[in-house]
Amino acid sequence: MTVIETMDLKKSYHKHLVVRGIDLQVQEGEIFGFLGRNGAGKTTFINMLTGIVLPTSGQFRILGVPNNQLDRVKHKVGVLPDYTEFYGNDTALEHLQFFAKLQKHKVTKQQCVDLLEQVGLKNAVHVKTKKFSFGMKKKLGVAQAVVGNPDLIFLDEPTSGMDPESALEMQKFIRTLASQNKTIFMTSHNLNEVEKLCSRIAIMKNGIISGLGTIDQLQKQFQTTIETTIKLLPKNDTLYRHAREEIEAWTTINYSDNQHITVAIRDESDIASIVHSLCKFDTDIFDIQTNRPSLEEIFMND
């Protein structure tokens, strides 16, 4: 099922075009990463999808419903904005119960307690939110976003302000949500986190999508060849020279000596052919390393 679909979606403020015509589809059960530098237009794009601002032109569908009928599915959508305010004199439990009631979600007290434990607030269920750290507020914000058991969840920087252990627990919780066929649309400045969590990633730049796909697809778009280094030990210099000649007949050898050979290949499946050539000419192999660009490198050079 297509959970989010946008068709030439645009938004301008006066004469300034912020979102310049985006076509995008997000499928059920995906953890979809949405990246962009400050000012790229990603917040405006998300604000349109969540009904905060109206598009200037174009259309979108959320959970199969057109953008002019969003009220039909708002109860199925949860949102964690970048910064969430709470009533300082309410405890975490009181806030969650109030928000659930406000949204007309039928949630028991025990369900709220269980959810707070899942997001890492087990010891803060009855603590007033004015005593919360920024990371704790993020956890409560995530709980608020999912308290109504929504099908689509927007998470803006879900682990910012958290210590490493809490961030790992939150990542585990997000994976659990996706395993329940919930769709997660998330932004994060932690590119390592996005690379680990997200099934697909979109990179927004100057109001358009400049890159879209799995991490493997983005790597191939960014770098057409993969530099691969093999640690080895030739048993015979002449045979090793024949192996290099056979390999160089169909790919480029960037470096070689009697301990390493570095080649530029187009696909990781080519490694098997290189290994076959080396073994055929009596060369032992100890290690293989591929140098693929990280999401950070792709993002910074996009």
C-alpha atoms as a PDB file:
ATOM      1  CA  MET A   1       0.000   0.000   0.000  1.00  0.00           C
ATOM      2  CA  THR A   2       1.219   3.491  -0.858  1.00  0.00           C
ATOM      3  CA  VAL A   3       0.959   5.502   2.365  1.00  0.00           C
ATOM      4  CA  ILE A   4       2.324   8.826   1.077  1.00  0.00           C
ATOM      5  CA  GLU A   5       2.064   9.961  -2.525  1.00  0.00           C
ATOM      6  CA  THR A   6       2.842  13.469  -3.747  1.00  0.00           C
ATOM      7  CA  MET A   7       2.277  14.745  -7.279  1.00  0.00           C
ATOM      8  CA  ASP A   8       4.190  17.866  -8.390  1.00  0.00           C
ATOM      9  CA  LEU A   9       3.757  19.328  -4.904  1.00  0.00           C
ATOM     10  CA  LYS A  10       4.793  22.974  -4.617  1.00  0.00           C
ATOM     11  CA  LYS A  11       4.753  25.666  -1.972  1.00  0.00           C
ATOM     12  CA  SER A  12       5.676  29.309  -2.343  1.00  0.00           C
ATOM     13  CA  TYR A  13       5.620  32.243   0.040  1.00  0.00           C
ATOM     14  CA  HIS A  14       4.955  35.404  -1.932  1.00  0.00           C
ATOM     15  CA  LYS A  15       7.314  34.981  -4.906  1.00  0.00           C
ATOM     16  CA  HIS A  16       9.726  32.613  -3.166  1.00  0.00           C
ATOM     17  CA  LEU A  17       9.241  28.997  -4.269  1.00  0.00           C
ATOM     18  CA  VAL A  18      10.275  26.830  -1.303  1.00  0.00           C
ATOM     19  CA  VAL A  19       9.106  23.398  -2.519  1.00  0.00           C
ATOM     20  CA  ARG A  20       9.581  23.163  -6.265  1.00  0.00           C
ATOM     21  CA  GLY A  21       7.459  20.249  -7.421  1.00  0.00           C
ATOM     22  CA  ILE A  22       8.018  16.955  -5.622  1.00  0.00           C
ATOM     23  CA  ASP A  23       6.854  13.530  -6.779  1.00  0.00           C
ATOM     24  CA  LEU A  24       7.344  10.978  -4.030  1.00  0.00           C
ATOM     25  CA  GLN A  25       5.906   7.663  -2.890  1.00  0.00           C
ATOM     26  CA  VAL A  26       6.376   5.995   0.501  1.00  0.00           C
ATOM     27  CA  GLN A  27       5.150   2.447   1.048  1.00  0.00           C
ATOM     28  CA  GLU A  28       3.570   0.778   4.063  1.00  0.00           C
ATOM     29  CA  GLY A  29       6.075  -0.481   6.632  1.00  0.00           C
ATOM     30  CA  GLU A  30       8.974   1.637   5.394  1.00  0.00           C
ATOM     31  CA  ILE A  31      11.287   3.598   7.622  1.00  0.00           C
ATOM     32  CA  PHE A  32      11.792   6.450   5.189  1.00  0.00           C
ATOM     33  CA  GLY A  33      14.601   8.940   5.780  1.00  0.00           C
ATOM     34  CA  PHE A  34      14.126  12.525   4.636  1.00  0.00           C
ATOM     35  CA  LEU A  35      17.298  14.613   4.632  1.00  0.00           C
ATOM     36  CA  GLY A  36      18.181  18.157   3.738  1.00  0.00           C
ATOM     37  CA  ARG A  37      20.272  21.092   4.875  1.00  0.00           C
ATOM     38  CA  ASN A  38      18.633  23.923   6.779  1.00  0.00           C
ATOM     39  CA  GLY A  39      16.522  25.911   4.322  1.00  0.00           C
ATOM     40  CA  ALA A  40      16.208  23.030   1.841  1.00  0.00           C
ATOM     41  CA  GLY A  41      12.411  23.021   2.218  1.00  0.00           C
ATOM     42  CA  LYS A  42      11.957  19.760   4.109  1.00  0.00           C
ATOM     43  CA  THR A  43      10.017  21.291   7.036  1.00  0.00           C
ATOM     44  CA  THR A  44       7.649  23.046   4.635  1.00  0.00           C
ATOM     45  CA  PHE A  45       7.175  19.777   2.753  1.00  0.00           C
ATOM     46  CA  ILE A  46       6.335  17.890   5.966  1.00  0.00           C
ATOM     47  CA  ASN A  47       4.038  20.703   7.116  1.00  0.00           C
ATOM     48  CA  MET A  48       2.025  20.258   3.932  1.00  0.00           C
ATOM     49  CA  LEU A  49       1.730  16.502   4.438  1.00  0.00           C
ATOM     50  CA  THR A  50       0.538  16.977   8.012  1.00  0.00           C
ATOM     51  CA  GLY A  51      -1.987  19.674   7.137  1.00  0.00           C
ATOM     52  CA  ILE A  52      -0.225  22.581   8.848  1.00  0.00           C
ATOM     53  CA  VAL A  53       0.171  24.559   5.619  1.00  0.00           C
ATOM     54  CA  LEU A  54      -1.660  24.320   2.307  1.00  0.00           C
ATOM     55  CA  PRO A  55       0.135  23.562  -0.969  1.00  0.00           C
ATOM     56  CA  THR A  56       0.384  26.316  -3.554  1.00  0.00           C
ATOM     57  CA  SER A  57      -0.142  23.719  -6.260  1.00  0.00           C
ATOM     58  CA  GLY A  58       0.058  19.986  -6.827  1.00  0.00           C
ATOM     59  CA  GLN A  59      -1.609  17.240  -4.860  1.00  0.00           C
ATOM     60  CA  PHE A  60      -0.850  14.532  -2.328  1.00  0.00           C
ATOM     61  CA  ARG A  61      -2.512  11.529  -0.754  1.00  0.00           C
ATOM     62  CA  ILE A  62      -2.071  10.263   2.803  1.00  0.00           C
ATOM     63  CA  LEU A  63      -3.190   6.695   3.519  1.00  0.00           C
ATOM     64  CA  GLY A  64      -5.068   6.764   0.225  1.00  0.00           C
ATOM     65  CA  VAL A  65      -6.982   9.955   1.049  1.00  0.00           C
ATOM     66  CA  PRO A  66      -6.529  13.167  -1.037  1.00  0.00           C
ATOM     67  CA  ASN A  67      -5.117  16.260   0.627  1.00  0.00           C
ATOM     68  CA  ASN A  68      -8.477  18.056   0.673  1.00  0.00           C
ATOM     69  CA  GLN A  69      -9.906  15.293   2.912  1.00  0.00           C
ATOM     70  CA  LEU A  70      -7.135  14.947   5.505  1.00  0.00           C
ATOM     71  CA  ASP A  71      -9.596  15.134   8.405  1.00  0.00           C
ATOM     72  CA  ARG A  72     -10.657  11.591   7.495  1.00  0.00           C
ATOM     73  CA  VAL A  73      -7.252  10.144   8.409  1.00  0.00           C
ATOM     74  CA  LYS A  74      -5.741  12.549  10.945  1.00  0.00           C
ATOM     75  CA  HIS A  75      -6.514  10.080  13.752  1.00  0.00           C
ATOM     76  CA  LYS A  76      -4.280   7.569  11.946  1.00  0.00           C
ATOM     77  CA  VAL A  77      -1.293   9.934  11.787  1.00  0.00           C
ATOM     78  CA  GLY A  78       1.176  10.682  14.597  1.00  0.00           C
ATOM     79  CA  VAL A  79       3.627  13.576  14.560  1.00  0.00           C
ATOM     80  CA  LEU A  80       6.761  14.369  16.561  1.00  0.00           C
ATOM     81  CA  PRO A  81       7.793  17.940  15.686  1.00  0.00           C
ATOM     82  CA  ASP A  82      11.385  19.089  16.121  1.00  0.00           C
ATOM     83  CA  TYR A  83      10.551  20.647  19.467  1.00  0.00           C
ATOM     84  CA  THR A  84       7.537  19.778  21.616  1.00  0.00           C
ATOM     85  CA  GLU A  85       6.196  21.855  24.499  1.00  0.00           C
ATOM     86  CA  PHE A  86       4.561  20.252  27.520  1.00  0.00           C
ATOM     87  CA  TYR A  87       2.585  21.470  30.504  1.00  0.00           C
ATOM     88  CA  GLY A  88       5.313  21.706  33.115  1.00  0.00           C
ATOM     89  CA  ASN A  89       3.150  20.793  36.112  1.00  0.00           C
ATOM     90  CA  ASP A  90       1.798  17.632  34.471  1.00  0.00           C
ATOM     91  CA  THR A  91       3.579  14.330  34.880  1.00  0.00           C
ATOM     92  CA  ALA A  92       4.529  12.308  31.817  1.00  0.00           C
ATOM     93  CA  LEU A  93       1.542  10.037  32.430  1.00  0.00           C
ATOM     94  CA  GLU A  94      -0.867  12.936  32.894  1.00  0.00           C
ATOM     95  CA  HIS A  95       0.332  14.584  29.713  1.00  0.00           C
ATOM     96  CA  LEU A  96      -0.006  11.407  27.676  1.00  0.00           C
ATOM     97  CA  GLN A  97      -3.493  10.745  29.047  1.00  0.00           C
ATOM     98  CA  PHE A  98      -4.543  14.341  28.324  1.00  0.00           C
ATOM     99  CA  PHE A  99      -3.208  14.226  24.776  1.00  0.00           C
ATOM    100  CA  ALA A 100      -4.872  10.878  24.081  1.00  0.00           C
ATOM    101  CA  LYS A 101      -8.193  12.246  25.341  1.00  0.00           C
ATOM    102  CA  LEU A 102      -7.762  15.422  23.293  1.00  0.00           C
ATOM    103  CA  GLN A 103      -7.286  13.300  20.171  1.00  0.00           C
ATOM    104  CA  LYS A 104     -10.217  11.057  21.163  1.00  0.00           C
ATOM    105  CA  HIS A 105      -8.011   7.986  21.394  1.00  0.00           C
ATOM    106  CA  LYS A 106      -9.355   5.248  23.663  1.00  0.00           C
ATOM    107  CA  VAL A 107      -6.241   4.441  25.675  1.00  0.00           C
ATOM    108  CA  THR A 108      -6.146   3.004  29.197  1.00  0.00           C
ATOM    109  CA  LYS A 109      -3.870   4.236  31.969  1.00  0.00           C
ATOM    110  CA  GLN A 110      -1.893   0.988  31.830  1.00  0.00           C
ATOM    111  CA  GLN A 111      -1.393   1.350  28.063  1.00  0.00           C
ATOM    112  CA  CYS A 112       0.042   4.824  28.640  1.00  0.00           C
ATOM    113  CA  VAL A 113       2.367   3.493  31.351  1.00  0.00           C
ATOM    114  CA  ASP A 114       3.497   0.657  29.069  1.00  0.00           C
ATOM    115  CA  LEU A 115       4.197   3.095  26.243  1.00  0.00           C
ATOM    116  CA  LEU A 116       6.237   5.386  28.477  1.00  0.00           C
ATOM    117  CA  GLU A 117       8.316   2.383  29.515  1.00  0.00           C
ATOM    118  CA  GLN A 118       8.865   1.427  25.868  1.00  0.00           C
ATOM    119  CA  VAL A 119      10.298   4.849  25.014  1.00  0.00           C
ATOM    120  CA  GLY A 120      12.628   4.783  28.032  1.00  0.00           C
ATOM    121  CA  LEU A 121      10.650   6.762  30.634  1.00  0.00           C
ATOM    122  CA  LYS A 122      10.001   3.895  33.036  1.00  0.00           C
ATOM    123  CA  ASN A 123      11.408   5.854  35.974  1.00  0.00           C
ATOM    124  CA  ALA A 124       9.753   9.136  34.987  1.00  0.00           C
ATOM    125  CA  VAL A 125       6.096   8.128  34.605  1.00  0.00           C
ATOM    126  CA  HIS A 126       5.085  10.269  37.593  1.00  0.00           C
ATOM    127  CA  VAL A 127       7.719  12.999  37.186  1.00  0.00           C
ATOM    128  CA  LYS A 128       6.558  16.489  36.191  1.00  0.00           C
ATOM    129  CA  THR A 129       7.703  17.425  32.706  1.00  0.00           C
ATOM    130  CA  LYS A 130       9.266  20.703  33.879  1.00  0.00           C
ATOM    131  CA  LYS A 131      12.006  18.523  35.386  1.00  0.00           C
ATOM    132  CA  PHE A 132      12.666  16.729  32.096  1.00  0.00           C
ATOM    133  CA  SER A 133      15.903  17.057  30.175  1.00  0.00           C
ATOM    134  CA  PHE A 134      15.754  17.721  26.430  1.00  0.00           C
ATOM    135  CA  GLY A 135      16.313  14.023  25.720  1.00  0.00           C
ATOM    136  CA  MET A 136      13.493  13.027  28.067  1.00  0.00           C
ATOM    137  CA  LYS A 137      11.188  15.492  26.330  1.00  0.00           C
ATOM    138  CA  LYS A 138      12.047  13.829  23.040  1.00  0.00           C
ATOM    139  CA  LYS A 139      11.060  10.456  24.457  1.00  0.00           C
ATOM    140  CA  LEU A 140       7.752  11.846  25.690  1.00  0.00           C
ATOM    141  CA  GLY A 141       7.234  13.466  22.278  1.00  0.00           C
ATOM    142  CA  VAL A 142       7.683  10.101  20.576  1.00  0.00           C
ATOM    143  CA  ALA A 143       5.218   8.529  23.018  1.00  0.00           C
ATOM    144  CA  GLN A 144       2.763  11.333  22.241  1.00  0.00           C
ATOM    145  CA  ALA A 145       3.167  10.688  18.506  1.00  0.00           C
ATOM    146  CA  VAL A 146       2.352   6.982  18.789  1.00  0.00           C
ATOM    147  CA  VAL A 147      -0.146   6.923  21.671  1.00  0.00           C
ATOM    148  CA  GLY A 148      -3.133   6.571  19.326  1.00  0.00           C
ATOM    149  CA  ASN A 149      -1.594   3.577  17.529  1.00  0.00           C
ATOM    150  CA  PRO A 150      -1.275   5.492  14.218  1.00  0.00           C
ATOM    151  CA  ASP A 151      -0.517   3.885  10.859  1.00  0.00           C
ATOM    152  CA  LEU A 152       1.781   6.737   9.721  1.00  0.00           C
ATOM    153  CA  ILE A 153       4.276   8.419  12.045  1.00  0.00           C
ATOM    154  CA  PHE A 154       6.302  11.553  11.285  1.00  0.00           C
ATOM    155  CA  LEU A 155       9.406  11.787  13.489  1.00  0.00           C
ATOM    156  CA  ASP A 156      11.566  14.922  13.374  1.00  0.00           C
ATOM    157  CA  GLU A 157      14.974  14.256  14.961  1.00  0.00           C
ATOM    158  CA  PRO A 158      13.665  11.434  17.198  1.00  0.00           C
ATOM    159  CA  THR A 159      16.953  10.834  19.051  1.00  0.00           C
ATOM    160  CA  SER A 160      18.396  14.351  19.336  1.00  0.00           C
ATOM    161  CA  GLY A 161      19.471  15.191  22.875  1.00  0.00           C
ATOM    162  CA  MET A 162      19.607  11.549  23.934  1.00  0.00           C
ATOM    163  CA  ASP A 163      22.618   9.737  25.342  1.00  0.00           C
ATOM    164  CA  PRO A 164      24.003   6.909  23.155  1.00  0.00           C
ATOM    165  CA  GLU A 165      22.254   4.142  25.089  1.00  0.00           C
ATOM    166  CA  SER A 166      18.874   5.906  24.924  1.00  0.00           C
ATOM    167  CA  ALA A 167      19.363   6.609  21.212  1.00  0.00           C
ATOM    168  CA  LEU A 168      20.001   2.908  20.530  1.00  0.00           C
ATOM    169  CA  GLU A 169      16.879   1.964  22.504  1.00  0.00           C
ATOM    170  CA  MET A 170      14.832   4.492  20.536  1.00  0.00           C
ATOM    171  CA  GLN A 171      16.163   3.098  17.259  1.00  0.00           C
ATOM    172  CA  LYS A 172      15.084  -0.366  18.411  1.00  0.00           C
ATOM    173  CA  PHE A 173      11.626   1.019  19.238  1.00  0.00           C
ATOM    174  CA  ILE A 174      11.343   2.591  15.761  1.00  0.00           C
ATOM    175  CA  ARG A 175      12.230  -0.747  14.158  1.00  0.00           C
ATOM    176  CA  THR A 176       9.537  -2.401  16.281  1.00  0.00           C
ATOM    177  CA  LEU A 177       6.960   0.082  15.005  1.00  0.00           C
ATOM    178  CA  ALA A 178       7.950  -0.659  11.404  1.00  0.00           C
ATOM    179  CA  SER A 179       7.697  -4.409  12.051  1.00  0.00           C
ATOM    180  CA  GLN A 180       4.041  -3.781  12.910  1.00  0.00           C
ATOM    181  CA  ASN A 181       3.503  -2.405   9.362  1.00  0.00           C
ATOM    182  CA  LYS A 182       3.534   1.176  10.584  1.00  0.00           C
ATOM    183  CA  THR A 183       5.186   3.630   8.243  1.00  0.00           C
ATOM    184  CA  ILE A 184       7.869   5.916   9.686  1.00  0.00           C
ATOM    185  CA  PHE A 185       8.782   9.150   7.901  1.00  0.00           C
ATOM    186  CA  MET A 186      11.764  10.562   9.759  1.00  0.00           C
ATOM    187  CA  THR A 187      14.285  13.352   9.551  1.00  0.00           C
ATOM    188  CA  SER A 188      17.602  13.345  11.382  1.00  0.00           C
ATOM    189  CA  HIS A 189      20.934  15.124  11.328  1.00  0.00           C
ATOM    190  CA  ASN A 190      22.469  11.869  12.553  1.00  0.00           C
ATOM    191  CA  LEU A 191      23.304  10.425   9.148  1.00  0.00           C
ATOM    192  CA  ASN A 192      24.770   7.251  10.626  1.00  0.00           C
ATOM    193  CA  GLU A 193      21.413   6.645  12.306  1.00  0.00           C
ATOM    194  CA  VAL A 194      19.538   7.199   9.050  1.00  0.00           C
ATOM    195  CA  GLU A 195      21.891   4.846   7.212  1.00  0.00           C
ATOM    196  CA  LYS A 196      21.257   2.111   9.801  1.00  0.00           C
ATOM    197  CA  LEU A 197      17.504   2.563  10.166  1.00  0.00           C
ATOM    198  CA  CYS A 198      16.002   3.616   6.867  1.00  0.00           C
ATOM    199  CA  SER A 199      14.949   1.324   4.047  1.00  0.00           C
ATOM    200  CA  ARG A 200      14.988   4.261   1.612  1.00  0.00           C
ATOM    201  CA  ILE A 201      16.271   7.812   1.796  1.00  0.00           C
ATOM    202  CA  ALA A 202      15.403  11.058   0.014  1.00  0.00           C
ATOM    203  CA  ILE A 203      17.787  14.016  -0.050  1.00  0.00           C
ATOM    204  CA  MET A 204      16.168  17.420  -0.543  1.00  0.00           C
ATOM    205  CA  LYS A 205      18.135  20.340  -1.918  1.00  0.00           C
ATOM    206  CA  ASN A 206      16.837  23.770  -2.931  1.00  0.00           C
ATOM    207  CA  GLY A 207      13.233  22.596  -2.869  1.00  0.00           C
ATOM    208  CA  ILE A 208      13.655  19.462  -4.995  1.00  0.00           C
ATOM    209  CA  ILE A 209      14.569  15.815  -4.396  1.00  0.00           C
ATOM    210  CA  SER A 210      18.184  15.523  -5.546  1.00  0.00           C
ATOM    211  CA  GLY A 211      18.683  11.911  -4.476  1.00  0.00           C
ATOM    212  CA  LEU A 212      16.313   9.034  -3.755  1.00  0.00           C
ATOM    213  CA  GLY A 213      16.716   5.320  -3.129  1.00  0.00           C
ATOM    214  CA  THR A 214      18.188   2.703  -0.845  1.00  0.00           C
ATOM    215  CA  ILE A 215      21.636   3.372   0.581  1.00  0.00           C
ATOM    216  CA  ASP A 216      23.040   0.968  -2.041  1.00  0.00           C
ATOM    217  CA  GLN A 217      21.280   2.851  -4.860  1.00  0.00           C
ATOM    218  CA  LEU A 218      22.494   6.218  -3.563  1.00  0.00           C
ATOM    219  CA  GLN A 219      26.048   4.895  -3.342  1.00  0.00           C
ATOM    220  CA  LYS A 220      25.890   3.738  -6.963  1.00  0.00           C
ATOM    221  CA  GLN A 221      24.515   7.107  -8.067  1.00  0.00           C
ATOM    222  CA  PHE A 222      27.304   8.900  -6.205  1.00  0.00           C
ATOM    223  CA  GLN A 223      30.181   6.594  -7.153  1.00  0.00           C
ATOM    224  CA  THR A 224      30.110   4.531 -10.345  1.00  0.00           C
ATOM    225  CA  THR A 225      33.026   2.299  -9.291  1.00  0.00           C
ATOM    226  CA  ILE A 226      33.861   0.591  -5.998  1.00  0.00           C
ATOM    227  CA  GLU A 227      37.458   0.545  -4.841  1.00  0.00           C
ATOM    228  CA  THR A 228      38.208  -2.905  -3.437  1.00  0.00           C
ATOM    229  CA  THR A 229      41.411  -3.902  -1.656  1.00  0.00           C
ATOM    230  CA  ILE A 230      42.390  -7.555  -1.221  1.00  0.00           C
ATOM    231  CA  LYS A 231      45.060  -8.670   1.222  1.00  0.00           C
ATOM    232  CA  LEU A 232      46.896 -11.658  -0.232  1.00  0.00           C
ATOM    233  CA  LEU A 233      50.009 -13.821  -0.405  1.00  0.00           C
ATOM    234  CA  PRO A 234      51.230 -15.070  -3.804  1.00  0.00           C
ATOM    235  CA  LYS A 235      52.955 -18.445  -3.803  1.00  0.00           C
ATOM    236  CA  ASN A 236      54.670 -17.780  -7.129  1.00  0.00           C
ATOM    237  CA  ASP A 237      55.574 -14.387  -8.609  1.00  0.00           C
ATOM    238  CA  THR A 238      55.035 -15.500 -12.203  1.00  0.00           C
ATOM    239  CA  LEU A 239      51.602 -16.927 -11.483  1.00  0.00           C
ATOM    240  CA  TYR A 240      50.688 -13.776  -9.557  1.00  0.00           C
ATOM    241  CA  ARG A 241      51.655 -11.695 -12.597  1.00  0.00           C
ATOM    242  CA  HIS A 242      49.362 -13.847 -14.754  1.00  0.00           C
ATOM    243  CA  ALA A 243      46.544 -13.288 -12.255  1.00  0.00           C
ATOM    244  CA  ARG A 244      47.019  -9.529 -12.436  1.00  0.00           C
ATOM    245  CA  GLU A 245      47.030  -9.623 -16.234  1.00  0.00           C
ATOM    246  CA  GLU A 246      43.783 -11.606 -16.264  1.00  0.00           C
ATOM    247  CA  ILE A 247      42.142  -9.174 -13.851  1.00  0.00           C
ATOM    248  CA  GLU A 248      43.421  -6.108 -15.703  1.00  0.00           C
ATOM    249  CA  ALA A 249      41.900  -7.428 -18.933  1.00  0.00           C
ATOM    250  CA  TRP A 250      38.415  -6.435 -17.717  1.00  0.00           C
ATOM    251  CA  THR A 251      38.896  -3.922 -14.872  1.00  0.00           C
ATOM    252  CA  THR A 252      41.356  -1.330 -13.545  1.00  0.00           C
ATOM    253  CA  ILE A 253      44.064  -2.176 -11.026  1.00  0.00           C
ATOM    254  CA  ASN A 254      44.811   0.960  -9.000  1.00  0.00           C
ATOM    255  CA  TYR A 255      47.631  -0.590  -6.977  1.00  0.00           C
ATOM    256  CA  SER A 256      49.316  -3.926  -6.406  1.00  0.00           C
ATOM    257  CA  ASP A 257      52.268  -5.424  -4.549  1.00  0.00           C
ATOM    258  CA  ASN A 258      52.999  -8.823  -3.027  1.00  0.00           C
ATOM    259  CA  GLN A 259      50.622  -8.177  -0.126  1.00  0.00           C
ATOM    260  CA  HIS A 260      47.720  -6.185  -1.599  1.00  0.00           C
ATOM    261  CA  ILE A 261      45.855  -5.543  -4.792  1.00  0.00           C
ATOM    262  CA  THR A 262      43.402  -2.659  -5.175  1.00  0.00           C
ATOM    263  CA  VAL A 263      40.936  -2.675  -8.065  1.00  0.00           C
ATOM    264  CA  ALA A 264      38.066  -0.504  -9.296  1.00  0.00           C
ATOM    265  CA  ILE A 265      34.943  -2.584  -9.899  1.00  0.00           C
ATOM    266  CA  ARG A 266      31.410  -1.654 -10.956  1.00  0.00           C
ATOM    267  CA  ASP A 267      29.527  -4.090  -8.757  1.00  0.00           C
ATOM    268  CA  GLU A 268      30.360  -6.133  -5.662  1.00  0.00           C
ATOM    269  CA  SER A 269      29.531  -9.279  -7.637  1.00  0.00           C
ATOM    270  CA  ASP A 270      32.766  -8.637  -9.575  1.00  0.00           C
ATOM    271  CA  ILE A 271      34.714  -9.564  -6.437  1.00  0.00           C
ATOM    272  CA  ALA A 272      33.966 -13.232  -7.102  1.00  0.00           C
ATOM    273  CA  SER A 273      35.697 -13.037 -10.488  1.00  0.00           C
ATOM    274  CA  ILE A 274      38.777 -11.422  -8.948  1.00  0.00           C
ATOM    275  CA  VAL A 275      38.947 -14.043  -6.214  1.00  0.00           C
ATOM    276  CA  HIS A 276      38.583 -16.775  -8.830  1.00  0.00           C
ATOM    277  CA  SER A 277      41.513 -15.391 -10.845  1.00  0.00           C
ATOM    278  CA  LEU A 278      43.768 -15.089  -7.817  1.00  0.00           C
ATOM    279  CA  CYS A 279      42.983 -18.572  -6.539  1.00  0.00           C
ATOM    280  CA  LYS A 280      43.408 -20.073 -10.012  1.00  0.00           C
ATOM    281  CA  PHE A 281      46.960 -18.718 -10.043  1.00  0.00           C
ATOM    282  CA  ASP A 282      47.812 -20.055  -6.592  1.00  0.00           C
ATOM    283  CA  THR A 283      47.416 -16.855  -4.509  1.00  0.00           C
ATOM    284  CA  ASP A 284      46.101 -17.046  -0.954  1.00  0.00           C
ATOM    285  CA  ILE A 285      43.504 -14.450   0.138  1.00  0.00           C
ATOM    286  CA  PHE A 286      43.288 -13.186   3.720  1.00  0.00           C
ATOM    287  CA  ASP A 287      40.941 -10.183   3.633  1.00  0.00           C
ATOM    288  CA  ILE A 288      38.680  -8.204   1.272  1.00  0.00           C
ATOM    289  CA  GLN A 289      37.602  -4.610   1.927  1.00  0.00           C
ATOM    290  CA  THR A 290      35.320  -2.458  -0.208  1.00  0.00           C
ATOM    291  CA  ASN A 291      35.389   1.319   0.015  1.00  0.00           C
ATOM    292  CA  ARG A 292      31.795   2.506  -0.455  1.00  0.00           C
ATOM    293  CA  PRO A 293      30.824   6.129   0.212  1.00  0.00           C
ATOM    294  CA  SER A 294      28.969   6.707   3.471  1.00  0.00           C
ATOM    295  CA  LEU A 295      25.656   8.528   3.580  1.00  0.00           C
ATOM    296  CA  GLU A 296      27.532  11.446   5.121  1.00  0.00           C
ATOM    297  CA  GLU A 297      29.849  11.653   2.084  1.00  0.00           C
ATOM    298  CA  ILE A 298      26.892  11.435  -0.313  1.00  0.00           C
ATOM    299  CA  PHE A 299      24.969  14.093   1.591  1.00  0.00           C
ATOM    300  CA  MET A 300      27.890  16.509   1.881  1.00  0.00           C
ATOM    301  CA  ASN A 301      28.751  16.208  -1.819  1.00  0.00           C
ATOM    302  CA  ASP A 302      25.175  16.259  -3.122  1.00  0.00           C
END
